[in-house]
C-alpha atoms as a PDB file:
ATOM      1  CA  MET A   1     -15.390 -19.041 -67.935  1.00  0.00           C
ATOM      2  CA  TYR A   2     -18.529 -17.277 -69.094  1.00  0.00           C
ATOM      3  CA  VAL A   3     -19.311 -14.191 -67.041  1.00  0.00           C
ATOM      4  CA  CYS A   4     -22.283 -12.780 -68.959  1.00  0.00           C
ATOM      5  CA  LEU A   5     -24.578 -15.482 -70.262  1.00  0.00           C
ATOM      6  CA  CYS A   6     -26.959 -12.979 -71.865  1.00  0.00           C
ATOM      7  CA  LYS A   7     -24.245 -11.642 -74.208  1.00  0.00           C
ATOM      8  CA  GLY A   8     -21.873 -14.619 -74.133  1.00  0.00           C
ATOM      9  CA  VAL A   9     -18.971 -12.651 -72.644  1.00  0.00           C
ATOM     10  CA  THR A  10     -16.070 -14.567 -71.130  1.00  0.00           C
ATOM     11  CA  GLU A  11     -13.582 -13.671 -68.419  1.00  0.00           C
ATOM     12  CA  ARG A  12     -10.828 -13.738 -71.032  1.00  0.00           C
ATOM     13  CA  GLU A  13     -12.653 -11.168 -73.186  1.00  0.00           C
ATOM     14  CA  ILE A  14     -13.071  -8.842 -70.207  1.00  0.00           C
ATOM     15  CA  ARG A  15      -9.382  -9.127 -69.306  1.00  0.00           C
ATOM     16  CA  GLU A  16      -8.372  -8.451 -72.928  1.00  0.00           C
ATOM     17  CA  GLU A  17     -10.506  -5.309 -73.034  1.00  0.00           C
ATOM     18  CA  VAL A  18      -9.012  -4.065 -69.768  1.00  0.00           C
ATOM     19  CA  ARG A  19      -5.505  -4.688 -71.084  1.00  0.00           C
ATOM     20  CA  SER A  20      -6.397  -2.749 -74.217  1.00  0.00           C
ATOM     21  CA  GLY A  21      -7.513   0.293 -72.250  1.00  0.00           C
ATOM     22  CA  ALA A  22     -10.943  -0.212 -70.681  1.00  0.00           C
ATOM     23  CA  CYS A  23     -10.715   0.913 -67.067  1.00  0.00           C
ATOM     24  CA  HIS A  24     -14.375   1.469 -66.134  1.00  0.00           C
ATOM     25  CA  MET A  25     -17.411  -0.773 -66.104  1.00  0.00           C
ATOM     26  CA  ARG A  26     -19.128   1.640 -68.474  1.00  0.00           C
ATOM     27  CA  GLU A  27     -16.418   0.971 -71.065  1.00  0.00           C
ATOM     28  CA  LEU A  28     -16.855  -2.788 -70.716  1.00  0.00           C
ATOM     29  CA  GLN A  29     -20.585  -2.350 -71.223  1.00  0.00           C
ATOM     30  CA  ARG A  30     -20.006  -0.289 -74.360  1.00  0.00           C
ATOM     31  CA  ARG A  31     -17.342  -2.587 -75.799  1.00  0.00           C
ATOM     32  CA  LEU A  32     -18.727  -6.008 -74.849  1.00  0.00           C
ATOM     33  CA  GLY A  33     -22.323  -5.495 -73.768  1.00  0.00           C
ATOM     34  CA  VAL A  34     -21.577  -7.041 -70.377  1.00  0.00           C
ATOM     35  CA  ALA A  35     -24.182  -6.306 -67.642  1.00  0.00           C
ATOM     36  CA  GLU A  36     -26.598  -4.622 -70.059  1.00  0.00           C
ATOM     37  CA  CYS A  37     -29.439  -7.156 -69.893  1.00  0.00           C
ATOM     38  CA  CYS A  38     -30.259  -8.710 -66.535  1.00  0.00           C
ATOM     39  CA  GLY A  39     -27.213  -7.343 -64.673  1.00  0.00           C
ATOM     40  CA  CYS A  40     -26.523 -10.554 -62.737  1.00  0.00           C
ATOM     41  CA  CYS A  41     -22.950 -10.611 -64.064  1.00  0.00           C
ATOM     42  CA  ALA A  42     -22.076  -7.063 -62.969  1.00  0.00           C
ATOM     43  CA  PRO A  43     -20.443  -7.998 -59.619  1.00  0.00           C
ATOM     44  CA  CYS A  44     -18.254 -10.665 -61.255  1.00  0.00           C
ATOM     45  CA  ALA A  45     -17.335  -8.372 -64.164  1.00  0.00           C
ATOM     46  CA  ARG A  46     -16.379  -5.591 -61.718  1.00  0.00           C
ATOM     47  CA  GLU A  47     -14.204  -8.016 -59.778  1.00  0.00           C
ATOM     48  CA  ILE A  48     -12.396  -9.146 -62.942  1.00  0.00           C
ATOM     49  CA  LEU A  49     -11.978  -5.500 -63.975  1.00  0.00           C
ATOM     50  CA  ALA A  50     -10.435  -4.598 -60.595  1.00  0.00           C
ATOM     51  CA  GLU A  51      -8.148  -7.668 -60.542  1.00  0.00           C
ATOM     52  CA  THR A  52      -6.855  -6.997 -64.028  1.00  0.00           C
ATOM     53  CA  LEU A  53      -6.247  -3.315 -63.286  1.00  0.00           C
ATOM     54  CA  GLN A  54      -4.305  -4.308 -60.152  1.00  0.00           C
ATOM     55  CA  GLU A  55      -2.229  -6.804 -62.129  1.00  0.00           C
ATOM     56  CA  GLN A  56      -1.386  -4.128 -64.678  1.00  0.00           C
ATOM     57  CA  HIS A  57      -0.468  -1.673 -61.947  1.00  0.00           C
ATOM     58  CA  ARG A  58       1.853  -4.202 -60.298  1.00  0.00           C
ATOM     59  CA  LYS A  59       3.539  -4.977 -63.609  1.00  0.00           C
ATOM     60  CA  THR A  60       4.181  -1.312 -64.382  1.00  0.00           C
ATOM     61  CA  ARG A  61       5.649  -0.737 -60.909  1.00  0.00           C
ATOM     62  CA  LEU A  62       8.045  -3.650 -61.397  1.00  0.00           C
ATOM     63  CA  LEU A  63       9.380  -2.417 -64.738  1.00  0.00           C
ATOM     64  CA  PRO A  64      12.841  -0.862 -64.543  1.00  0.00           C
ATOM     65  CA  ALA A  65      13.069   2.887 -64.953  1.00  0.00           C
ATOM     66  CA  PRO A  66      13.978   3.945 -68.488  1.00  0.00           C
ATOM     67  CA  PHE A  67      17.608   4.904 -69.103  1.00  0.00           C
ATOM     68  CA  LEU A  68      17.992   8.653 -69.183  1.00  0.00           C
ATOM     69  CA  PRO A  69      21.230   9.866 -70.726  1.00  0.00           C
ATOM     70  CA  ALA A  70      23.184  12.637 -69.011  1.00  0.00           C
ATOM     71  CA  THR A  71      22.371  16.054 -70.378  1.00  0.00           C
ATOM     72  CA  ALA A  72      24.949  17.891 -72.438  1.00  0.00           C
ATOM     73  CA  ASN A  73      24.923  20.836 -70.022  1.00  0.00           C
ATOM     74  CA  ALA A  74      25.713  18.758 -66.935  1.00  0.00           C
ATOM     75  CA  SER A  75      28.851  19.955 -65.145  1.00  0.00           C
END
């Protein structure tokens, strides 16, 4: 789905940028140009940003804790 018609930015592109590290609207504007022209897409882009950040947070909470070997000095 197109989110920003002015710049031709899709929902998929926004989600990809968030997954690659963008965590603020300002970063999406810099990387994709979203919400720089008329601004009508800003609410939708913010919603997609928030949803994707929540999804990432849930995934990281569900990952198992890394295996930590016992220390050599443990008694």
